């Protein structure tokens, strides 16, 4: 009789433990998901603002250069050439400047998150 009671208590505690572990996993998942989504949204807003800033700055510089050179389209052509050269340099160095640092950042952030929550 007593052993049956102990077995029932053991099963009850095991069930409670599993429910607690499932809840903990669910909460950790929600925490990481909300952190990733909020990070992506804030980065997207910053990227949008930076894009508008660069667009307006580029138009101003192109018009200024065009005014100096006598024809407005000269300024836009010069700026387009500058962006083409910058794009080619970034493309050639994309692994060193973009891919590796971003991969390392993601790995570092994931490992720090995992250690902090464990």
Foldseek 3Di string as FASTA:
>chain_A
DVVVVVVVVVVVVVVVVVVVVVVLVVVLVVVVVVVVVVVVVVVVVVVVVVVVVVVVVLLVQLQVVCVVVVHSVVSVVVSVVVVVVVVVVCVVCVCVPPVVVVVVVVVVVVVVSVVVSD
